[in-house]
């Protein structure tokens, strides 16, 4: 099972921690509880209240990742999604997750 370090790269931390995905294809098998705990611990340790995901080059997010992002909001963190593909924006709209996350369009 993949851990957070297998598919996420931290670019910056502080009040908002900025992360990106290592590649365009994300693993299907994830240890979500471990990843959620790791991300939450990292955010708390860095004093972050928000996490921003750079989705440039990511065409598809498995439902497990979307669930993980929703769990982070339940844990009290703001989730920002930057540069989602048109396909991913459609998924966020259909599932109403665009209301849960702050979505920043291309070039923003």
PDB file of N, CA and C in Angstrom:
ATOM      1  N   UNK A   1       0.837  -1.193   0.000  1.00  0.00           N
ATOM      2  CA  UNK A   1       0.000   0.000   0.000  1.00  0.00           C
ATOM      3  C   UNK A   1       0.868   1.238   0.000  1.00  0.00           C
ATOM      4  N   UNK A   2       0.413   2.247  -0.732  1.00  0.00           N
ATOM      5  CA  UNK A   2       1.170   3.484  -0.870  1.00  0.00           C
ATOM      6  C   UNK A   2       0.977   4.384   0.339  1.00  0.00           C
ATOM      7  N   UNK A   3       2.051   5.074   0.721  1.00  0.00           N
ATOM      8  CA  UNK A   3       1.983   6.060   1.797  1.00  0.00           C
ATOM      9  C   UNK A   3       2.019   7.451   1.169  1.00  0.00           C
ATOM     10  N   UNK A   4       1.862   8.471   1.991  1.00  0.00           N
ATOM     11  CA  UNK A   4       1.831   9.850   1.494  1.00  0.00           C
ATOM     12  C   UNK A   4       3.109  10.200   0.750  1.00  0.00           C
ATOM     13  N   UNK A   5       4.250   9.728   1.229  1.00  0.00           N
ATOM     14  CA  UNK A   5       5.521  10.069   0.589  1.00  0.00           C
ATOM     15  C   UNK A   5       5.683   9.392  -0.768  1.00  0.00           C
ATOM     16  N   UNK A   6       4.875   8.388  -1.053  1.00  0.00           N
ATOM     17  CA  UNK A   6       4.947   7.708  -2.343  1.00  0.00           C
ATOM     18  C   UNK A   6       4.314   8.515  -3.466  1.00  0.00           C
ATOM     19  N   UNK A   7       3.387   9.414  -3.162  1.00  0.00           N
ATOM     20  CA  UNK A   7       2.698  10.124  -4.233  1.00  0.00           C
ATOM     21  C   UNK A   7       2.541  11.626  -3.994  1.00  0.00           C
ATOM     22  N   UNK A   8       2.982  12.130  -2.845  1.00  0.00           N
ATOM     23  CA  UNK A   8       2.892  13.567  -2.573  1.00  0.00           C
ATOM     24  C   UNK A   8       4.272  14.157  -2.342  1.00  0.00           C
ATOM     25  N   UNK A   9       4.442  15.378  -2.801  1.00  0.00           N
ATOM     26  CA  UNK A   9       5.682  16.100  -2.565  1.00  0.00           C
ATOM     27  C   UNK A   9       5.310  17.438  -1.932  1.00  0.00           C
ATOM     28  N   UNK A  10       5.934  17.757  -0.800  1.00  0.00           N
ATOM     29  CA  UNK A  10       5.685  19.032  -0.110  1.00  0.00           C
ATOM     30  C   UNK A  10       6.603  20.081  -0.720  1.00  0.00           C
ATOM     31  N   UNK A  11       5.999  21.173  -1.184  1.00  0.00           N
ATOM     32  CA  UNK A  11       6.761  22.254  -1.796  1.00  0.00           C
ATOM     33  C   UNK A  11       6.997  23.407  -0.833  1.00  0.00           C
ATOM     34  N   UNK A  12       6.081  23.605   0.087  1.00  0.00           N
ATOM     35  CA  UNK A  12       6.171  24.761   0.983  1.00  0.00           C
ATOM     36  C   UNK A  12       5.297  24.467   2.191  1.00  0.00           C
ATOM     37  N   UNK A  13       5.699  24.953   3.341  1.00  0.00           N
ATOM     38  CA  UNK A  13       4.826  24.816   4.498  1.00  0.00           C
ATOM     39  C   UNK A  13       4.798  26.120   5.264  1.00  0.00           C
ATOM     40  N   UNK A  14       3.820  26.240   6.081  1.00  0.00           N
ATOM     41  CA  UNK A  14       3.551  27.457   6.833  1.00  0.00           C
ATOM     42  C   UNK A  14       2.064  27.453   7.114  1.00  0.00           C
ATOM     43  N   UNK A  15       1.468  28.631   7.170  1.00  0.00           N
ATOM     44  CA  UNK A  15       0.030  28.695   7.422  1.00  0.00           C
ATOM     45  C   UNK A  15      -0.742  27.859   6.399  1.00  0.00           C
ATOM     46  N   UNK A  16      -0.274  27.908   5.139  1.00  0.00           N
ATOM     47  CA  UNK A  16      -0.816  27.034   4.102  1.00  0.00           C
ATOM     48  C   UNK A  16       0.318  26.154   3.600  1.00  0.00           C
ATOM     49  N   UNK A  17       0.136  24.859   3.717  1.00  0.00           N
ATOM     50  CA  UNK A  17       1.118  23.905   3.201  1.00  0.00           C
ATOM     51  C   UNK A  17       0.749  23.580   1.770  1.00  0.00           C
ATOM     52  N   UNK A  18       1.721  23.678   0.864  1.00  0.00           N
ATOM     53  CA  UNK A  18       1.491  23.427  -0.550  1.00  0.00           C
ATOM     54  C   UNK A  18       2.112  22.092  -0.924  1.00  0.00           C
ATOM     55  N   UNK A  19       1.294  21.221  -1.497  1.00  0.00           N
ATOM     56  CA  UNK A  19       1.770  19.910  -1.921  1.00  0.00           C
ATOM     57  C   UNK A  19       1.356  19.668  -3.367  1.00  0.00           C
ATOM     58  N   UNK A  20       2.065  18.763  -3.987  1.00  0.00           N
ATOM     59  CA  UNK A  20       1.733  18.354  -5.342  1.00  0.00           C
ATOM     60  C   UNK A  20       1.875  16.852  -5.453  1.00  0.00           C
ATOM     61  N   UNK A  21       1.305  16.325  -6.492  1.00  0.00           N
ATOM     62  CA  UNK A  21       1.381  14.889  -6.718  1.00  0.00           C
ATOM     63  C   UNK A  21       2.637  14.582  -7.523  1.00  0.00           C
ATOM     64  N   UNK A  22       3.288  13.480  -7.199  1.00  0.00           N
ATOM     65  CA  UNK A  22       4.548  13.110  -7.821  1.00  0.00           C
ATOM     66  C   UNK A  22       4.382  12.846  -9.313  1.00  0.00           C
ATOM     67  N   UNK A  23       3.274  12.269  -9.720  1.00  0.00           N
ATOM     68  CA  UNK A  23       3.064  11.967 -11.133  1.00  0.00           C
ATOM     69  C   UNK A  23       1.612  12.091 -11.513  1.00  0.00           C
ATOM     70  N   UNK A  24       1.326  11.941 -12.803  1.00  0.00           N
ATOM     71  CA  UNK A  24      -0.058  12.080 -13.268  1.00  0.00           C
ATOM     72  C   UNK A  24      -0.945  10.888 -12.912  1.00  0.00           C
ATOM     73  N   UNK A  25      -0.341   9.753 -12.602  1.00  0.00           N
ATOM     74  CA  UNK A  25      -1.107   8.558 -12.248  1.00  0.00           C
ATOM     75  C   UNK A  25      -0.908   8.285 -10.769  1.00  0.00           C
ATOM     76  N   UNK A  26      -2.002   8.239 -10.051  1.00  0.00           N
ATOM     77  CA  UNK A  26      -1.937   8.011  -8.614  1.00  0.00           C
ATOM     78  C   UNK A  26      -2.221   6.550  -8.313  1.00  0.00           C
ATOM     79  N   UNK A  27      -1.631   6.028  -7.241  1.00  0.00           N
ATOM     80  CA  UNK A  27      -1.840   4.615  -6.919  1.00  0.00           C
ATOM     81  C   UNK A  27      -3.291   4.320  -6.547  1.00  0.00           C
ATOM     82  N   UNK A  28      -3.721   3.107  -6.904  1.00  0.00           N
ATOM     83  CA  UNK A  28      -5.078   2.675  -6.560  1.00  0.00           C
ATOM     84  C   UNK A  28      -5.171   2.218  -5.110  1.00  0.00           C
ATOM     85  N   UNK A  29      -4.131   1.586  -4.629  1.00  0.00           N
ATOM     86  CA  UNK A  29      -4.123   1.042  -3.281  1.00  0.00           C
ATOM     87  C   UNK A  29      -3.440   2.022  -2.332  1.00  0.00           C
ATOM     88  N   UNK A  30      -4.202   2.570  -1.410  1.00  0.00           N
ATOM     89  CA  UNK A  30      -3.687   3.560  -0.475  1.00  0.00           C
ATOM     90  C   UNK A  30      -4.038   3.185   0.947  1.00  0.00           C
ATOM     91  N   UNK A  31      -3.135   3.449   1.860  1.00  0.00           N
ATOM     92  CA  UNK A  31      -3.413   3.290   3.281  1.00  0.00           C
ATOM     93  C   UNK A  31      -3.945   4.636   3.772  1.00  0.00           C
ATOM     94  N   UNK A  32      -5.252   4.848   3.543  1.00  0.00           N
ATOM     95  CA  UNK A  32      -5.850   6.168   3.791  1.00  0.00           C
ATOM     96  C   UNK A  32      -5.742   6.623   5.234  1.00  0.00           C
ATOM     97  N   UNK A  33      -5.927   5.714   6.176  1.00  0.00           N
ATOM     98  CA  UNK A  33      -5.823   6.114   7.578  1.00  0.00           C
ATOM     99  C   UNK A  33      -4.425   6.614   7.903  1.00  0.00           C
ATOM    100  N   UNK A  34      -3.425   5.906   7.412  1.00  0.00           N
ATOM    101  CA  UNK A  34      -2.044   6.307   7.661  1.00  0.00           C
ATOM    102  C   UNK A  34      -1.734   7.634   6.974  1.00  0.00           C
ATOM    103  N   UNK A  35      -2.186   7.795   5.740  1.00  0.00           N
ATOM    104  CA  UNK A  35      -1.937   9.026   5.004  1.00  0.00           C
ATOM    105  C   UNK A  35      -2.626  10.203   5.688  1.00  0.00           C
ATOM    106  N   UNK A  36      -3.861  10.002   6.125  1.00  0.00           N
ATOM    107  CA  UNK A  36      -4.600  11.067   6.817  1.00  0.00           C
ATOM    108  C   UNK A  36      -3.879  11.460   8.098  1.00  0.00           C
ATOM    109  N   UNK A  37      -3.422  10.482   8.853  1.00  0.00           N
ATOM    110  CA  UNK A  37      -2.704  10.766  10.092  1.00  0.00           C
ATOM    111  C   UNK A  37      -1.391  11.489   9.808  1.00  0.00           C
ATOM    112  N   UNK A  38      -0.659  11.029   8.784  1.00  0.00           N
ATOM    113  CA  UNK A  38       0.615  11.657   8.428  1.00  0.00           C
ATOM    114  C   UNK A  38       0.418  13.112   8.003  1.00  0.00           C
ATOM    115  N   UNK A  39      -0.565  13.344   7.127  1.00  0.00           N
ATOM    116  CA  UNK A  39      -0.825  14.706   6.666  1.00  0.00           C
ATOM    117  C   UNK A  39      -1.280  15.593   7.816  1.00  0.00           C
ATOM    118  N   UNK A  40      -2.199  15.097   8.640  1.00  0.00           N
ATOM    119  CA  UNK A  40      -2.683  15.877   9.788  1.00  0.00           C
ATOM    120  C   UNK A  40      -1.558  16.229  10.740  1.00  0.00           C
ATOM    121  N   UNK A  41      -0.682  15.264  11.016  1.00  0.00           N
ATOM    122  CA  UNK A  41       0.448  15.512  11.918  1.00  0.00           C
ATOM    123  C   UNK A  41       1.390  16.547  11.317  1.00  0.00           C
ATOM    124  N   UNK A  42       1.655  16.439  10.010  1.00  0.00           N
ATOM    125  CA  UNK A  42       2.530  17.397   9.347  1.00  0.00           C
ATOM    126  C   UNK A  42       1.929  18.804   9.397  1.00  0.00           C
ATOM    127  N   UNK A  43       0.631  18.916   9.122  1.00  0.00           N
ATOM    128  CA  UNK A  43      -0.024  20.220   9.130  1.00  0.00           C
ATOM    129  C   UNK A  43      -0.003  20.837  10.524  1.00  0.00           C
ATOM    130  N   UNK A  44      -0.296  20.032  11.534  1.00  0.00           N
ATOM    131  CA  UNK A  44      -0.278  20.546  12.909  1.00  0.00           C
ATOM    132  C   UNK A  44       1.141  20.945  13.324  1.00  0.00           C
ATOM    133  N   UNK A  45       2.114  20.125  12.975  1.00  0.00           N
ATOM    134  CA  UNK A  45       3.505  20.404  13.339  1.00  0.00           C
ATOM    135  C   UNK A  45       3.986  21.713  12.710  1.00  0.00           C
ATOM    136  N   UNK A  46       3.545  21.987  11.504  1.00  0.00           N
ATOM    137  CA  UNK A  46       3.963  23.198  10.796  1.00  0.00           C
ATOM    138  C   UNK A  46       3.058  24.388  11.092  1.00  0.00           C
ATOM    139  N   UNK A  47       2.053  24.207  11.939  1.00  0.00           N
ATOM    140  CA  UNK A  47       1.141  25.297  12.268  1.00  0.00           C
ATOM    141  C   UNK A  47       0.243  25.684  11.108  1.00  0.00           C
ATOM    142  N   UNK A  48      -0.029  24.755  10.221  1.00  0.00           N
ATOM    143  CA  UNK A  48      -0.850  25.031   9.036  1.00  0.00           C
ATOM    144  C   UNK A  48      -2.327  24.904   9.349  1.00  0.00           C
ATOM    145  N   UNK A  49      -3.099  25.825   8.808  1.00  0.00           N
ATOM    146  CA  UNK A  49      -4.549  25.727   8.920  1.00  0.00           C
ATOM    147  C   UNK A  49      -5.164  25.299   7.594  1.00  0.00           C
ATOM    148  N   UNK A  50      -4.325  25.280   6.542  1.00  0.00           N
ATOM    149  CA  UNK A  50      -4.820  24.949   5.205  1.00  0.00           C
ATOM    150  C   UNK A  50      -3.776  24.135   4.456  1.00  0.00           C
ATOM    151  N   UNK A  51      -4.264  23.366   3.506  1.00  0.00           N
ATOM    152  CA  UNK A  51      -3.394  22.605   2.617  1.00  0.00           C
ATOM    153  C   UNK A  51      -3.849  22.879   1.191  1.00  0.00           C
ATOM    154  N   UNK A  52      -2.886  23.180   0.332  1.00  0.00           N
ATOM    155  CA  UNK A  52      -3.173  23.486  -1.069  1.00  0.00           C
ATOM    156  C   UNK A  52      -2.553  22.403  -1.939  1.00  0.00           C
ATOM    157  N   UNK A  53      -3.350  21.825  -2.813  1.00  0.00           N
ATOM    158  CA  UNK A  53      -2.890  20.789  -3.724  1.00  0.00           C
ATOM    159  C   UNK A  53      -2.753  21.374  -5.114  1.00  0.00           C
ATOM    160  N   UNK A  54      -1.557  21.272  -5.681  1.00  0.00           N
ATOM    161  CA  UNK A  54      -1.335  21.675  -7.060  1.00  0.00           C
ATOM    162  C   UNK A  54      -1.706  20.480  -7.930  1.00  0.00           C
ATOM    163  N   UNK A  55      -2.767  20.603  -8.695  1.00  0.00           N
ATOM    164  CA  UNK A  55      -3.270  19.502  -9.515  1.00  0.00           C
ATOM    165  C   UNK A  55      -2.817  19.599 -10.968  1.00  0.00           C
ATOM    166  N   UNK A  56      -1.857  20.453 -11.260  1.00  0.00           N
ATOM    167  CA  UNK A  56      -1.342  20.571 -12.620  1.00  0.00           C
ATOM    168  C   UNK A  56      -0.852  19.205 -13.099  1.00  0.00           C
ATOM    169  N   UNK A  57      -1.343  18.792 -14.244  1.00  0.00           N
ATOM    170  CA  UNK A  57      -0.923  17.525 -14.820  1.00  0.00           C
ATOM    171  C   UNK A  57      -1.662  16.308 -14.308  1.00  0.00           C
ATOM    172  N   UNK A  58      -2.556  16.486 -13.344  1.00  0.00           N
ATOM    173  CA  UNK A  58      -3.322  15.359 -12.802  1.00  0.00           C
ATOM    174  C   UNK A  58      -4.686  15.346 -13.483  1.00  0.00           C
ATOM    175  N   UNK A  59      -4.944  14.312 -14.253  1.00  0.00           N
ATOM    176  CA  UNK A  59      -6.196  14.227 -15.012  1.00  0.00           C
ATOM    177  C   UNK A  59      -7.317  13.611 -14.197  1.00  0.00           C
ATOM    178  N   UNK A  60      -6.978  12.787 -13.222  1.00  0.00           N
ATOM    179  CA  UNK A  60      -7.985  12.015 -12.505  1.00  0.00           C
ATOM    180  C   UNK A  60      -7.524  11.800 -11.068  1.00  0.00           C
ATOM    181  N   UNK A  61      -8.445  11.952 -10.123  1.00  0.00           N
ATOM    182  CA  UNK A  61      -8.177  11.624  -8.722  1.00  0.00           C
ATOM    183  C   UNK A  61      -9.076  10.461  -8.327  1.00  0.00           C
ATOM    184  N   UNK A  62      -8.502   9.379  -7.820  1.00  0.00           N
ATOM    185  CA  UNK A  62      -9.333   8.269  -7.355  1.00  0.00           C
ATOM    186  C   UNK A  62     -10.276   8.748  -6.246  1.00  0.00           C
ATOM    187  N   UNK A  63     -11.416   8.100  -6.140  1.00  0.00           N
ATOM    188  CA  UNK A  63     -12.393   8.483  -5.123  1.00  0.00           C
ATOM    189  C   UNK A  63     -11.786   8.412  -3.728  1.00  0.00           C
ATOM    190  N   UNK A  64     -10.831   7.528  -3.523  1.00  0.00           N
ATOM    191  CA  UNK A  64     -10.178   7.428  -2.213  1.00  0.00           C
ATOM    192  C   UNK A  64      -9.454   8.723  -1.867  1.00  0.00           C
ATOM    193  N   UNK A  65      -8.827   9.358  -2.848  1.00  0.00           N
ATOM    194  CA  UNK A  65      -8.128  10.623  -2.610  1.00  0.00           C
ATOM    195  C   UNK A  65      -9.145  11.727  -2.319  1.00  0.00           C
ATOM    196  N   UNK A  66     -10.241  11.752  -3.073  1.00  0.00           N
ATOM    197  CA  UNK A  66     -11.281  12.752  -2.808  1.00  0.00           C
ATOM    198  C   UNK A  66     -11.834  12.577  -1.397  1.00  0.00           C
ATOM    199  N   UNK A  67     -12.022  11.344  -0.974  1.00  0.00           N
ATOM    200  CA  UNK A  67     -12.471  11.075   0.395  1.00  0.00           C
ATOM    201  C   UNK A  67     -11.457  11.542   1.422  1.00  0.00           C
ATOM    202  N   UNK A  68     -10.189  11.350   1.117  1.00  0.00           N
ATOM    203  CA  UNK A  68      -9.125  11.803   2.009  1.00  0.00           C
ATOM    204  C   UNK A  68      -9.161  13.317   2.150  1.00  0.00           C
ATOM    205  N   UNK A  69      -9.357  14.013   1.035  1.00  0.00           N
ATOM    206  CA  UNK A  69      -9.430  15.479   1.078  1.00  0.00           C
ATOM    207  C   UNK A  69     -10.633  15.944   1.898  1.00  0.00           C
ATOM    208  N   UNK A  70     -11.758  15.261   1.735  1.00  0.00           N
ATOM    209  CA  UNK A  70     -12.947  15.598   2.527  1.00  0.00           C
ATOM    210  C   UNK A  70     -12.675  15.348   4.007  1.00  0.00           C
ATOM    211  N   UNK A  71     -11.960  14.281   4.325  1.00  0.00           N
ATOM    212  CA  UNK A  71     -11.629  13.976   5.721  1.00  0.00           C
ATOM    213  C   UNK A  71     -10.754  15.072   6.324  1.00  0.00           C
ATOM    214  N   UNK A  72      -9.854  15.623   5.526  1.00  0.00           N
ATOM    215  CA  UNK A  72      -9.009  16.713   6.031  1.00  0.00           C
ATOM    216  C   UNK A  72      -9.855  17.926   6.419  1.00  0.00           C
ATOM    217  N   UNK A  73     -10.919  18.198   5.653  1.00  0.00           N
ATOM    218  CA  UNK A  73     -11.796  19.315   6.031  1.00  0.00           C
ATOM    219  C   UNK A  73     -12.535  18.998   7.330  1.00  0.00           C
ATOM    220  N   UNK A  74     -12.930  17.742   7.502  1.00  0.00           N
ATOM    221  CA  UNK A  74     -13.587  17.356   8.763  1.00  0.00           C
ATOM    222  C   UNK A  74     -12.625  17.459   9.941  1.00  0.00           C
ATOM    223  N   UNK A  75     -11.331  17.321   9.655  1.00  0.00           N
ATOM    224  CA  UNK A  75     -10.316  17.455  10.701  1.00  0.00           C
ATOM    225  C   UNK A  75      -9.999  18.925  11.005  1.00  0.00           C
ATOM    226  N   UNK A  76     -10.675  19.848  10.294  1.00  0.00           N
ATOM    227  CA  UNK A  76     -10.525  21.266  10.588  1.00  0.00           C
ATOM    228  C   UNK A  76      -9.580  22.027   9.674  1.00  0.00           C
ATOM    229  N   UNK A  77      -9.090  21.393   8.623  1.00  0.00           N
ATOM    230  CA  UNK A  77      -8.180  22.061   7.702  1.00  0.00           C
ATOM    231  C   UNK A  77      -8.936  22.551   6.475  1.00  0.00           C
ATOM    232  N   UNK A  78      -8.549  23.699   5.960  1.00  0.00           N
ATOM    233  CA  UNK A  78      -9.087  24.188   4.695  1.00  0.00           C
ATOM    234  C   UNK A  78      -8.333  23.464   3.578  1.00  0.00           C
ATOM    235  N   UNK A  79      -9.050  23.047   2.546  1.00  0.00           N
ATOM    236  CA  UNK A  79      -8.432  22.366   1.410  1.00  0.00           C
ATOM    237  C   UNK A  79      -8.621  23.233   0.170  1.00  0.00           C
ATOM    238  N   UNK A  80      -7.499  23.571  -0.468  1.00  0.00           N
ATOM    239  CA  UNK A  80      -7.500  24.358  -1.692  1.00  0.00           C
ATOM    240  C   UNK A  80      -6.997  23.471  -2.824  1.00  0.00           C
ATOM    241  N   UNK A  81      -7.693  23.494  -3.942  1.00  0.00           N
ATOM    242  CA  UNK A  81      -7.293  22.734  -5.118  1.00  0.00           C
ATOM    243  C   UNK A  81      -6.949  23.724  -6.222  1.00  0.00           C
ATOM    244  N   UNK A  82      -5.719  23.672  -6.693  1.00  0.00           N
ATOM    245  CA  UNK A  82      -5.246  24.593  -7.729  1.00  0.00           C
ATOM    246  C   UNK A  82      -5.077  23.865  -9.054  1.00  0.00           C
ATOM    247  N   UNK A  83      -5.533  24.505 -10.115  1.00  0.00           N
ATOM    248  CA  UNK A  83      -5.347  24.043 -11.483  1.00  0.00           C
ATOM    249  C   UNK A  83      -5.927  22.659 -11.777  1.00  0.00           C
ATOM    250  N   UNK A  84      -7.163  22.397 -11.360  1.00  0.00           N
ATOM    251  CA  UNK A  84      -7.748  21.098 -11.713  1.00  0.00           C
ATOM    252  C   UNK A  84      -8.046  21.042 -13.212  1.00  0.00           C
ATOM    253  N   UNK A  85      -7.947  19.855 -13.779  1.00  0.00           N
ATOM    254  CA  UNK A  85      -8.289  19.674 -15.196  1.00  0.00           C
ATOM    255  C   UNK A  85      -9.792  19.887 -15.373  1.00  0.00           C
ATOM    256  N   UNK A  86     -10.213  20.053 -16.614  1.00  0.00           N
ATOM    257  CA  UNK A  86     -11.648  20.222 -16.901  1.00  0.00           C
ATOM    258  C   UNK A  86     -12.426  19.004 -16.415  1.00  0.00           C
ATOM    259  N   UNK A  87     -11.868  17.820 -16.616  1.00  0.00           N
ATOM    260  CA  UNK A  87     -12.516  16.591 -16.164  1.00  0.00           C
ATOM    261  C   UNK A  87     -12.671  16.582 -14.644  1.00  0.00           C
ATOM    262  N   UNK A  88     -11.631  16.947 -13.960  1.00  0.00           N
ATOM    263  CA  UNK A  88     -11.674  16.953 -12.497  1.00  0.00           C
ATOM    264  C   UNK A  88     -12.638  18.023 -11.980  1.00  0.00           C
ATOM    265  N   UNK A  89     -12.666  19.195 -12.623  1.00  0.00           N
ATOM    266  CA  UNK A  89     -13.632  20.232 -12.230  1.00  0.00           C
ATOM    267  C   UNK A  89     -15.052  19.712 -12.373  1.00  0.00           C
ATOM    268  N   UNK A  90     -15.315  18.971 -13.439  1.00  0.00           N
ATOM    269  CA  UNK A  90     -16.653  18.393 -13.644  1.00  0.00           C
ATOM    270  C   UNK A  90     -17.010  17.422 -12.526  1.00  0.00           C
ATOM    271  N   UNK A  91     -16.064  16.576 -12.155  1.00  0.00           N
ATOM    272  CA  UNK A  91     -16.294  15.621 -11.065  1.00  0.00           C
ATOM    273  C   UNK A  91     -16.595  16.372  -9.770  1.00  0.00           C
ATOM    274  N   UNK A  92     -15.841  17.422  -9.498  1.00  0.00           N
ATOM    275  CA  UNK A  92     -16.048  18.202  -8.274  1.00  0.00           C
ATOM    276  C   UNK A  92     -17.425  18.858  -8.267  1.00  0.00           C
ATOM    277  N   UNK A  93     -17.873  19.320  -9.426  1.00  0.00           N
ATOM    278  CA  UNK A  93     -19.191  19.945  -9.515  1.00  0.00           C
ATOM    279  C   UNK A  93     -20.310  18.925  -9.344  1.00  0.00           C
ATOM    280  N   UNK A  94     -20.203  17.788 -10.006  1.00  0.00           N
ATOM    281  CA  UNK A  94     -21.241  16.754  -9.936  1.00  0.00           C
ATOM    282  C   UNK A  94     -21.378  16.214  -8.514  1.00  0.00           C
ATOM    283  N   UNK A  95     -20.257  16.057  -7.824  1.00  0.00           N
ATOM    284  CA  UNK A  95     -20.275  15.520  -6.463  1.00  0.00           C
ATOM    285  C   UNK A  95     -20.485  16.600  -5.406  1.00  0.00           C
ATOM    286  N   UNK A  96     -20.541  17.868  -5.839  1.00  0.00           N
ATOM    287  CA  UNK A  96     -20.684  19.026  -4.952  1.00  0.00           C
ATOM    288  C   UNK A  96     -19.482  19.210  -4.031  1.00  0.00           C
ATOM    289  N   UNK A  97     -18.371  18.552  -4.340  1.00  0.00           N
ATOM    290  CA  UNK A  97     -17.160  18.760  -3.548  1.00  0.00           C
ATOM    291  C   UNK A  97     -16.563  20.143  -3.799  1.00  0.00           C
ATOM    292  N   UNK A  98     -16.956  20.774  -4.902  1.00  0.00           N
ATOM    293  CA  UNK A  98     -16.498  22.144  -5.151  1.00  0.00           C
ATOM    294  C   UNK A  98     -17.046  23.102  -4.094  1.00  0.00           C
ATOM    295  N   UNK A  99     -18.041  22.687  -3.346  1.00  0.00           N
ATOM    296  CA  UNK A  99     -18.570  23.502  -2.243  1.00  0.00           C
ATOM    297  C   UNK A  99     -17.789  23.277  -0.952  1.00  0.00           C
ATOM    298  N   UNK A 100     -17.138  22.127  -0.867  1.00  0.00           N
ATOM    299  CA  UNK A 100     -16.376  21.772   0.324  1.00  0.00           C
ATOM    300  C   UNK A 100     -14.941  22.297   0.246  1.00  0.00           C
ATOM    301  N   UNK A 101     -14.378  22.271  -0.958  1.00  0.00           N
ATOM    302  CA  UNK A 101     -13.012  22.721  -1.182  1.00  0.00           C
ATOM    303  C   UNK A 101     -13.030  24.081  -1.874  1.00  0.00           C
ATOM    304  N   UNK A 102     -11.953  24.829  -1.701  1.00  0.00           N
ATOM    305  CA  UNK A 102     -11.782  26.059  -2.475  1.00  0.00           C
ATOM    306  C   UNK A 102     -11.048  25.680  -3.745  1.00  0.00           C
ATOM    307  N   UNK A 103     -11.689  25.908  -4.886  1.00  0.00           N
ATOM    308  CA  UNK A 103     -11.106  25.528  -6.169  1.00  0.00           C
ATOM    309  C   UNK A 103     -10.600  26.785  -6.868  1.00  0.00           C
ATOM    310  N   UNK A 104      -9.330  26.754  -7.237  1.00  0.00           N
ATOM    311  CA  UNK A 104      -8.689  27.857  -7.938  1.00  0.00           C
ATOM    312  C   UNK A 104      -8.488  27.426  -9.384  1.00  0.00           C
ATOM    313  N   UNK A 105      -9.063  28.173 -10.295  1.00  0.00           N
ATOM    314  CA  UNK A 105      -9.009  27.816 -11.713  1.00  0.00           C
ATOM    315  C   UNK A 105      -7.611  28.003 -12.277  1.00  0.00           C
ATOM    316  N   UNK A 106      -7.390  27.490 -13.468  1.00  0.00           N
ATOM    317  CA  UNK A 106      -6.110  27.600 -14.159  1.00  0.00           C
ATOM    318  C   UNK A 106      -5.625  29.040 -14.199  1.00  0.00           C
ATOM    319  N   UNK A 107      -4.348  29.185 -13.947  1.00  0.00           N
ATOM    320  CA  UNK A 107      -3.753  30.509 -14.016  1.00  0.00           C
ATOM    321  C   UNK A 107      -3.955  31.363 -12.792  1.00  0.00           C
ATOM    322  N   UNK A 108      -4.644  30.849 -11.787  1.00  0.00           N
ATOM    323  CA  UNK A 108      -4.916  31.630 -10.578  1.00  0.00           C
ATOM    324  C   UNK A 108      -3.943  31.234  -9.489  1.00  0.00           C
TER     325      UNK A 108
END
